[in-house]
PDB file of N, CA and C in Angstrom:
ATOM      1  N   MET A   1      29.155  11.893 -14.558  1.00  0.00           N
ATOM      2  CA  MET A   1      28.472  12.470 -13.421  1.00  0.00           C
ATOM      3  C   MET A   1      27.321  11.557 -12.997  1.00  0.00           C
ATOM      4  N   LEU A   2      27.167  11.411 -11.728  1.00  0.00           N
ATOM      5  CA  LEU A   2      26.091  10.572 -11.202  1.00  0.00           C
ATOM      6  C   LEU A   2      24.734  11.236 -11.387  1.00  0.00           C
ATOM      7  N   GLN A   3      23.761  10.446 -11.759  1.00  0.00           N
ATOM      8  CA  GLN A   3      22.393  10.931 -11.912  1.00  0.00           C
ATOM      9  C   GLN A   3      21.570  10.481 -10.706  1.00  0.00           C
ATOM     10  N   PRO A   4      20.641  11.307 -10.253  1.00  0.00           N
ATOM     11  CA  PRO A   4      19.809  10.896  -9.120  1.00  0.00           C
ATOM     12  C   PRO A   4      18.896   9.732  -9.505  1.00  0.00           C
ATOM     13  N   ILE A   5      18.626   8.897  -8.540  1.00  0.00           N
ATOM     14  CA  ILE A   5      17.677   7.797  -8.710  1.00  0.00           C
ATOM     15  C   ILE A   5      16.447   8.138  -7.888  1.00  0.00           C
ATOM     16  N   PHE A   6      15.294   8.103  -8.515  1.00  0.00           N
ATOM     17  CA  PHE A   6      14.053   8.410  -7.819  1.00  0.00           C
ATOM     18  C   PHE A   6      13.363   7.117  -7.415  1.00  0.00           C
ATOM     19  N   ILE A   7      13.066   7.008  -6.128  1.00  0.00           N
ATOM     20  CA  ILE A   7      12.378   5.841  -5.580  1.00  0.00           C
ATOM     21  C   ILE A   7      11.099   6.333  -4.925  1.00  0.00           C
ATOM     22  N   ALA A   8       9.979   5.824  -5.386  1.00  0.00           N
ATOM     23  CA  ALA A   8       8.686   6.238  -4.830  1.00  0.00           C
ATOM     24  C   ALA A   8       8.384   5.408  -3.583  1.00  0.00           C
ATOM     25  N   HIS A   9       8.226   6.086  -2.472  1.00  0.00           N
ATOM     26  CA  HIS A   9       7.953   5.431  -1.195  1.00  0.00           C
ATOM     27  C   HIS A   9       6.475   5.053  -1.119  1.00  0.00           C
ATOM     28  N   ARG A  10       6.186   3.754  -1.158  1.00  0.00           N
ATOM     29  CA  ARG A  10       4.817   3.220  -1.142  1.00  0.00           C
ATOM     30  C   ARG A  10       4.020   3.648  -2.371  1.00  0.00           C
ATOM     31  N   GLY A  11       4.701   3.888  -3.473  1.00  0.00           N
ATOM     32  CA  GLY A  11       4.046   4.357  -4.691  1.00  0.00           C
ATOM     33  C   GLY A  11       3.890   5.860  -4.656  1.00  0.00           C
ATOM     34  N   TYR A  12       2.947   6.383  -5.404  1.00  0.00           N
ATOM     35  CA  TYR A  12       2.668   7.824  -5.421  1.00  0.00           C
ATOM     36  C   TYR A  12       1.688   8.103  -4.284  1.00  0.00           C
ATOM     37  N   ALA A  13       2.179   7.953  -3.056  1.00  0.00           N
ATOM     38  CA  ALA A  13       1.320   8.014  -1.869  1.00  0.00           C
ATOM     39  C   ALA A  13       0.825   9.419  -1.551  1.00  0.00           C
ATOM     40  N   ALA A  14       1.397  10.429  -2.172  1.00  0.00           N
ATOM     41  CA  ALA A  14       0.904  11.794  -1.947  1.00  0.00           C
ATOM     42  C   ALA A  14      -0.437  12.021  -2.635  1.00  0.00           C
ATOM     43  N   ALA A  15      -0.717  11.218  -3.654  1.00  0.00           N
ATOM     44  CA  ALA A  15      -1.949  11.418  -4.424  1.00  0.00           C
ATOM     45  C   ALA A  15      -2.909  10.236  -4.372  1.00  0.00           C
ATOM     46  N   TYR A  16      -2.416   9.054  -3.967  1.00  0.00           N
ATOM     47  CA  TYR A  16      -3.231   7.840  -3.966  1.00  0.00           C
ATOM     48  C   TYR A  16      -2.973   7.052  -2.690  1.00  0.00           C
ATOM     49  N   PRO A  17      -3.908   6.191  -2.286  1.00  0.00           N
ATOM     50  CA  PRO A  17      -3.661   5.379  -1.086  1.00  0.00           C
ATOM     51  C   PRO A  17      -2.381   4.548  -1.246  1.00  0.00           C
ATOM     52  N   GLU A  18      -1.532   4.605  -0.240  1.00  0.00           N
ATOM     53  CA  GLU A  18      -0.220   3.967  -0.296  1.00  0.00           C
ATOM     54  C   GLU A  18      -0.306   2.458  -0.520  1.00  0.00           C
ATOM     55  N   ASN A  19       0.729   1.931  -1.166  1.00  0.00           N
ATOM     56  CA  ASN A  19       0.863   0.496  -1.413  1.00  0.00           C
ATOM     57  C   ASN A  19      -0.296  -0.096  -2.203  1.00  0.00           C
ATOM     58  N   THR A  20      -0.951   0.698  -3.041  1.00  0.00           N
ATOM     59  CA  THR A  20      -2.019   0.182  -3.898  1.00  0.00           C
ATOM     60  C   THR A  20      -1.529   0.164  -5.341  1.00  0.00           C
ATOM     61  N   LEU A  21      -2.175  -0.637  -6.165  1.00  0.00           N
ATOM     62  CA  LEU A  21      -1.775  -0.701  -7.573  1.00  0.00           C
ATOM     63  C   LEU A  21      -1.874   0.652  -8.251  1.00  0.00           C
ATOM     64  N   ILE A  22      -2.917   1.416  -7.932  1.00  0.00           N
ATOM     65  CA  ILE A  22      -3.064   2.738  -8.550  1.00  0.00           C
ATOM     66  C   ILE A  22      -1.920   3.667  -8.133  1.00  0.00           C
ATOM     67  N   ALA A  23      -1.462   3.562  -6.885  1.00  0.00           N
ATOM     68  CA  ALA A  23      -0.336   4.383  -6.420  1.00  0.00           C
ATOM     69  C   ALA A  23       0.968   3.961  -7.097  1.00  0.00           C
ATOM     70  N   LEU A  24       1.154   2.662  -7.279  1.00  0.00           N
ATOM     71  CA  LEU A  24       2.361   2.179  -7.950  1.00  0.00           C
ATOM     72  C   LEU A  24       2.362   2.586  -9.417  1.00  0.00           C
ATOM     73  N   ASP A  25       1.238   2.406 -10.089  1.00  0.00           N
ATOM     74  CA  ASP A  25       1.133   2.792 -11.497  1.00  0.00           C
ATOM     75  C   ASP A  25       1.372   4.290 -11.675  1.00  0.00           C
ATOM     76  N   ALA A  26       0.775   5.096 -10.815  1.00  0.00           N
ATOM     77  CA  ALA A  26       0.948   6.550 -10.906  1.00  0.00           C
ATOM     78  C   ALA A  26       2.410   6.945 -10.700  1.00  0.00           C
ATOM     79  N   ALA A  27       3.101   6.261  -9.807  1.00  0.00           N
ATOM     80  CA  ALA A  27       4.518   6.559  -9.575  1.00  0.00           C
ATOM     81  C   ALA A  27       5.340   6.299 -10.836  1.00  0.00           C
ATOM     82  N   PHE A  28       5.077   5.177 -11.492  1.00  0.00           N
ATOM     83  CA  PHE A  28       5.807   4.879 -12.729  1.00  0.00           C
ATOM     84  C   PHE A  28       5.422   5.849 -13.838  1.00  0.00           C
ATOM     85  N   GLN A  29       4.153   6.215 -13.918  1.00  0.00           N
ATOM     86  CA  GLN A  29       3.708   7.193 -14.919  1.00  0.00           C
ATOM     87  C   GLN A  29       4.370   8.554 -14.691  1.00  0.00           C
ATOM     88  N   ALA A  30       4.664   8.871 -13.429  1.00  0.00           N
ATOM     89  CA  ALA A  30       5.301  10.146 -13.095  1.00  0.00           C
ATOM     90  C   ALA A  30       6.810  10.123 -13.337  1.00  0.00           C
ATOM     91  N   GLY A  31       7.355   8.951 -13.665  1.00  0.00           N
ATOM     92  CA  GLY A  31       8.758   8.885 -14.026  1.00  0.00           C
ATOM     93  C   GLY A  31       9.683   8.184 -13.054  1.00  0.00           C
ATOM     94  N   THR A  32       9.177   7.675 -11.957  1.00  0.00           N
ATOM     95  CA  THR A  32      10.063   6.960 -11.050  1.00  0.00           C
ATOM     96  C   THR A  32      10.493   5.642 -11.684  1.00  0.00           C
ATOM     97  N   GLU A  33      11.656   5.173 -11.302  1.00  0.00           N
ATOM     98  CA  GLU A  33      12.151   3.898 -11.819  1.00  0.00           C
ATOM     99  C   GLU A  33      11.970   2.770 -10.819  1.00  0.00           C
ATOM    100  N   TYR A  34      11.826   3.121  -9.552  1.00  0.00           N
ATOM    101  CA  TYR A  34      11.744   2.123  -8.493  1.00  0.00           C
ATOM    102  C   TYR A  34      10.672   2.530  -7.491  1.00  0.00           C
ATOM    103  N   VAL A  35      10.125   1.536  -6.810  1.00  0.00           N
ATOM    104  CA  VAL A  35       9.207   1.809  -5.709  1.00  0.00           C
ATOM    105  C   VAL A  35       9.641   1.002  -4.489  1.00  0.00           C
ATOM    106  N   GLU A  36       9.356   1.531  -3.329  1.00  0.00           N
ATOM    107  CA  GLU A  36       9.575   0.829  -2.070  1.00  0.00           C
ATOM    108  C   GLU A  36       8.194   0.506  -1.539  1.00  0.00           C
ATOM    109  N   VAL A  37       7.970  -0.756  -1.195  1.00  0.00           N
ATOM    110  CA  VAL A  37       6.677  -1.170  -0.656  1.00  0.00           C
ATOM    111  C   VAL A  37       6.894  -1.977   0.617  1.00  0.00           C
ATOM    112  N   ASP A  38       5.829  -2.165   1.356  1.00  0.00           N
ATOM    113  CA  ASP A  38       5.845  -2.966   2.576  1.00  0.00           C
ATOM    114  C   ASP A  38       5.027  -4.224   2.315  1.00  0.00           C
ATOM    115  N   ILE A  39       5.543  -5.365   2.734  1.00  0.00           N
ATOM    116  CA  ILE A  39       4.855  -6.632   2.505  1.00  0.00           C
ATOM    117  C   ILE A  39       4.612  -7.325   3.835  1.00  0.00           C
ATOM    118  N   GLN A  40       3.372  -7.757   4.032  1.00  0.00           N
ATOM    119  CA  GLN A  40       2.992  -8.550   5.196  1.00  0.00           C
ATOM    120  C   GLN A  40       2.271  -9.796   4.694  1.00  0.00           C
ATOM    121  N   LEU A  41       2.214 -10.826   5.519  1.00  0.00           N
ATOM    122  CA  LEU A  41       1.530 -12.059   5.141  1.00  0.00           C
ATOM    123  C   LEU A  41       0.153 -12.129   5.778  1.00  0.00           C
ATOM    124  N   SER A  42      -0.823 -12.551   4.975  1.00  0.00           N
ATOM    125  CA  SER A  42      -2.175 -12.776   5.490  1.00  0.00           C
ATOM    126  C   SER A  42      -2.171 -14.046   6.351  1.00  0.00           C
ATOM    127  N   ALA A  43      -3.301 -14.338   6.977  1.00  0.00           N
ATOM    128  CA  ALA A  43      -3.415 -15.529   7.824  1.00  0.00           C
ATOM    129  C   ALA A  43      -3.122 -16.809   7.044  1.00  0.00           C
ATOM    130  N   ASP A  44      -3.417 -16.815   5.747  1.00  0.00           N
ATOM    131  CA  ASP A  44      -3.137 -17.984   4.914  1.00  0.00           C
ATOM    132  C   ASP A  44      -1.838 -17.822   4.117  1.00  0.00           C
ATOM    133  N   HIS A  45      -0.972 -16.931   4.601  1.00  0.00           N
ATOM    134  CA  HIS A  45       0.405 -16.766   4.106  1.00  0.00           C
ATOM    135  C   HIS A  45       0.505 -16.235   2.677  1.00  0.00           C
ATOM    136  N   ILE A  46      -0.439 -15.379   2.297  1.00  0.00           N
ATOM    137  CA  ILE A  46      -0.392 -14.709   0.999  1.00  0.00           C
ATOM    138  C   ILE A  46       0.246 -13.334   1.210  1.00  0.00           C
ATOM    139  N   PRO A  47       1.266 -12.958   0.418  1.00  0.00           N
ATOM    140  CA  PRO A  47       1.873 -11.633   0.568  1.00  0.00           C
ATOM    141  C   PRO A  47       0.879 -10.524   0.205  1.00  0.00           C
ATOM    142  N   VAL A  48       0.845  -9.490   1.049  1.00  0.00           N
ATOM    143  CA  VAL A  48      -0.049  -8.343   0.867  1.00  0.00           C
ATOM    144  C   VAL A  48       0.774  -7.072   1.033  1.00  0.00           C
ATOM    145  N   LEU A  49       0.595  -6.102   0.131  1.00  0.00           N
ATOM    146  CA  LEU A  49       1.273  -4.815   0.280  1.00  0.00           C
ATOM    147  C   LEU A  49       0.515  -3.998   1.309  1.00  0.00           C
ATOM    148  N   PHE A  50       1.156  -3.743   2.449  1.00  0.00           N
ATOM    149  CA  PHE A  50       0.508  -2.979   3.516  1.00  0.00           C
ATOM    150  C   PHE A  50       1.570  -2.576   4.521  1.00  0.00           C
ATOM    151  N   HIS A  51       1.512  -1.328   4.988  1.00  0.00           N
ATOM    152  CA  HIS A  51       2.530  -0.816   5.903  1.00  0.00           C
ATOM    153  C   HIS A  51       2.140  -0.917   7.376  1.00  0.00           C
ATOM    154  N   ASP A  52       0.970  -0.438   7.733  1.00  0.00           N
ATOM    155  CA  ASP A  52       0.594  -0.276   9.138  1.00  0.00           C
ATOM    156  C   ASP A  52       0.493  -1.610   9.880  1.00  0.00           C
ATOM    157  N   ARG A  53       0.632  -1.524  11.206  1.00  0.00           N
ATOM    158  CA  ARG A  53       0.472  -2.718  12.038  1.00  0.00           C
ATOM    159  C   ARG A  53      -0.972  -3.190  12.083  1.00  0.00           C
ATOM    160  N   ASP A  54      -1.912  -2.249  11.956  1.00  0.00           N
ATOM    161  CA  ASP A  54      -3.327  -2.627  11.954  1.00  0.00           C
ATOM    162  C   ASP A  54      -4.021  -2.013  10.745  1.00  0.00           C
ATOM    163  N   LEU A  55      -5.267  -2.411  10.538  1.00  0.00           N
ATOM    164  CA  LEU A  55      -6.024  -2.015   9.352  1.00  0.00           C
ATOM    165  C   LEU A  55      -6.840  -0.745   9.537  1.00  0.00           C
ATOM    166  N   GLN A  56      -6.836  -0.179  10.713  1.00  0.00           N
ATOM    167  CA  GLN A  56      -7.745   0.914  11.044  1.00  0.00           C
ATOM    168  C   GLN A  56      -7.592   2.145  10.144  1.00  0.00           C
ATOM    169  N   ARG A  57      -6.389   2.659   9.981  1.00  0.00           N
ATOM    170  CA  ARG A  57      -6.196   3.920   9.252  1.00  0.00           C
ATOM    171  C   ARG A  57      -6.607   3.823   7.783  1.00  0.00           C
ATOM    172  N   LEU A  58      -6.262   2.744   7.130  1.00  0.00           N
ATOM    173  CA  LEU A  58      -6.531   2.648   5.697  1.00  0.00           C
ATOM    174  C   LEU A  58      -7.780   1.856   5.330  1.00  0.00           C
ATOM    175  N   CYS A  59      -8.256   1.014   6.235  1.00  0.00           N
ATOM    176  CA  CYS A  59      -9.419   0.169   5.908  1.00  0.00           C
ATOM    177  C   CYS A  59     -10.586   0.337   6.875  1.00  0.00           C
ATOM    178  N   GLN A  60     -10.396   1.103   7.937  1.00  0.00           N
ATOM    179  CA  GLN A  60     -11.416   1.276   8.968  1.00  0.00           C
ATOM    180  C   GLN A  60     -11.903  -0.078   9.494  1.00  0.00           C
ATOM    181  N   GLN A  61     -10.956  -0.992   9.693  1.00  0.00           N
ATOM    182  CA  GLN A  61     -11.238  -2.329  10.221  1.00  0.00           C
ATOM    183  C   GLN A  61     -10.326  -2.577  11.413  1.00  0.00           C
ATOM    184  N   SER A  62     -10.801  -3.364  12.360  1.00  0.00           N
ATOM    185  CA  SER A  62      -9.945  -3.738  13.486  1.00  0.00           C
ATOM    186  C   SER A  62      -9.039  -4.893  13.068  1.00  0.00           C
ATOM    187  N   GLY A  63      -7.989  -5.105  13.830  1.00  0.00           N
ATOM    188  CA  GLY A  63      -7.094  -6.219  13.565  1.00  0.00           C
ATOM    189  C   GLY A  63      -5.976  -5.862  12.609  1.00  0.00           C
ATOM    190  N   ALA A  64      -5.194  -6.886  12.301  1.00  0.00           N
ATOM    191  CA  ALA A  64      -4.013  -6.729  11.454  1.00  0.00           C
ATOM    192  C   ALA A  64      -4.121  -7.636  10.232  1.00  0.00           C
ATOM    193  N   ILE A  65      -3.247  -7.435   9.283  1.00  0.00           N
ATOM    194  CA  ILE A  65      -3.229  -8.249   8.062  1.00  0.00           C
ATOM    195  C   ILE A  65      -3.212  -9.738   8.405  1.00  0.00           C
ATOM    196  N   GLN A  66      -2.353 -10.128   9.330  1.00  0.00           N
ATOM    197  CA  GLN A  66      -2.202 -11.548   9.651  1.00  0.00           C
ATOM    198  C   GLN A  66      -3.418 -12.151  10.362  1.00  0.00           C
ATOM    199  N   ASP A  67      -4.380 -11.315  10.744  1.00  0.00           N
ATOM    200  CA  ASP A  67      -5.603 -11.807  11.387  1.00  0.00           C
ATOM    201  C   ASP A  67      -6.660 -12.257  10.383  1.00  0.00           C
ATOM    202  N   TYR A  68      -6.450 -11.987   9.109  1.00  0.00           N
ATOM    203  CA  TYR A  68      -7.455 -12.260   8.077  1.00  0.00           C
ATOM    204  C   TYR A  68      -6.855 -13.087   6.944  1.00  0.00           C
ATOM    205  N   THR A  69      -7.688 -13.909   6.314  1.00  0.00           N
ATOM    206  CA  THR A  69      -7.258 -14.611   5.110  1.00  0.00           C
ATOM    207  C   THR A  69      -7.232 -13.619   3.952  1.00  0.00           C
ATOM    208  N   PHE A  70      -6.576 -14.010   2.885  1.00  0.00           N
ATOM    209  CA  PHE A  70      -6.508 -13.129   1.727  1.00  0.00           C
ATOM    210  C   PHE A  70      -7.898 -12.846   1.162  1.00  0.00           C
ATOM    211  N   SER A  71      -8.753 -13.849   1.111  1.00  0.00           N
ATOM    212  CA  SER A  71     -10.105 -13.630   0.571  1.00  0.00           C
ATOM    213  C   SER A  71     -10.903 -12.661   1.441  1.00  0.00           C
ATOM    214  N   GLN A  72     -10.678 -12.666   2.747  1.00  0.00           N
ATOM    215  CA  GLN A  72     -11.333 -11.683   3.621  1.00  0.00           C
ATOM    216  C   GLN A  72     -10.778 -10.287   3.359  1.00  0.00           C
ATOM    217  N   LEU A  73      -9.469 -10.173   3.224  1.00  0.00           N
ATOM    218  CA  LEU A  73      -8.837  -8.874   2.989  1.00  0.00           C
ATOM    219  C   LEU A  73      -9.284  -8.255   1.671  1.00  0.00           C
ATOM    220  N   GLU A  74      -9.519  -9.070   0.663  1.00  0.00           N
ATOM    221  CA  GLU A  74      -9.953  -8.556  -0.641  1.00  0.00           C
ATOM    222  C   GLU A  74     -11.279  -7.807  -0.564  1.00  0.00           C
ATOM    223  N   LYS A  75     -12.060  -8.074   0.451  1.00  0.00           N
ATOM    224  CA  LYS A  75     -13.376  -7.438   0.593  1.00  0.00           C
ATOM    225  C   LYS A  75     -13.294  -6.056   1.236  1.00  0.00           C
ATOM    226  N   PHE A  76     -12.151  -5.716   1.826  1.00  0.00           N
ATOM    227  CA  PHE A  76     -11.991  -4.422   2.482  1.00  0.00           C
ATOM    228  C   PHE A  76     -11.675  -3.343   1.455  1.00  0.00           C
ATOM    229  N   ASN A  77     -12.182  -2.149   1.681  1.00  0.00           N
ATOM    230  CA  ASN A  77     -11.844  -0.992   0.852  1.00  0.00           C
ATOM    231  C   ASN A  77     -10.654  -0.277   1.466  1.00  0.00           C
ATOM    232  N   VAL A  78      -9.692   0.081   0.643  1.00  0.00           N
ATOM    233  CA  VAL A  78      -8.519   0.811   1.112  1.00  0.00           C
ATOM    234  C   VAL A  78      -8.714   2.285   0.801  1.00  0.00           C
ATOM    235  N   THR A  79      -8.585   3.097   1.830  1.00  0.00           N
ATOM    236  CA  THR A  79      -8.653   4.540   1.676  1.00  0.00           C
ATOM    237  C   THR A  79      -7.873   5.147   2.832  1.00  0.00           C
ATOM    238  N   ASP A  80      -7.566   6.380   2.741  1.00  0.00           N
ATOM    239  CA  ASP A  80      -6.979   7.111   3.864  1.00  0.00           C
ATOM    240  C   ASP A  80      -7.961   8.225   4.143  1.00  0.00           C
ATOM    241  N   SER A  81      -8.835   8.006   5.111  1.00  0.00           N
ATOM    242  CA  SER A  81      -9.937   8.946   5.342  1.00  0.00           C
ATOM    243  C   SER A  81      -9.446  10.352   5.660  1.00  0.00           C
ATOM    244  N   GLU A  82      -8.277  10.481   6.254  1.00  0.00           N
ATOM    245  CA  GLU A  82      -7.750  11.816   6.552  1.00  0.00           C
ATOM    246  C   GLU A  82      -7.266  12.517   5.285  1.00  0.00           C
ATOM    247  N   LYS A  83      -6.758  11.756   4.339  1.00  0.00           N
ATOM    248  CA  LYS A  83      -6.168  12.340   3.139  1.00  0.00           C
ATOM    249  C   LYS A  83      -7.119  12.346   1.947  1.00  0.00           C
ATOM    250  N   PHE A  84      -7.951  11.309   1.810  1.00  0.00           N
ATOM    251  CA  PHE A  84      -8.743  11.140   0.598  1.00  0.00           C
ATOM    252  C   PHE A  84     -10.247  11.216   0.817  1.00  0.00           C
ATOM    253  N   ALA A  85     -10.699  11.597   1.984  1.00  0.00           N
ATOM    254  CA  ALA A  85     -12.143  11.650   2.254  1.00  0.00           C
ATOM    255  C   ALA A  85     -12.783  12.841   1.577  1.00  0.00           C
TER     256      ALA A  85
END
């Protein structure tokens, strides 16, 4: 008999900011075997886990991932103000 496969969409995004290490870790701790993430490239071509077209919803910053270098992006705080404020 086939067993279901659980795939966490953007990690454990119901409890943690999506596509973050804490969300991915929580998904695995909860028993998922796989995660689906979104990858975009920074201005200096470093892969970054991020879904949205712009940074506003999760970082309260203007622009998009590709508008910033990785070192600039590292300085932003990721949160979902509607969900985690």
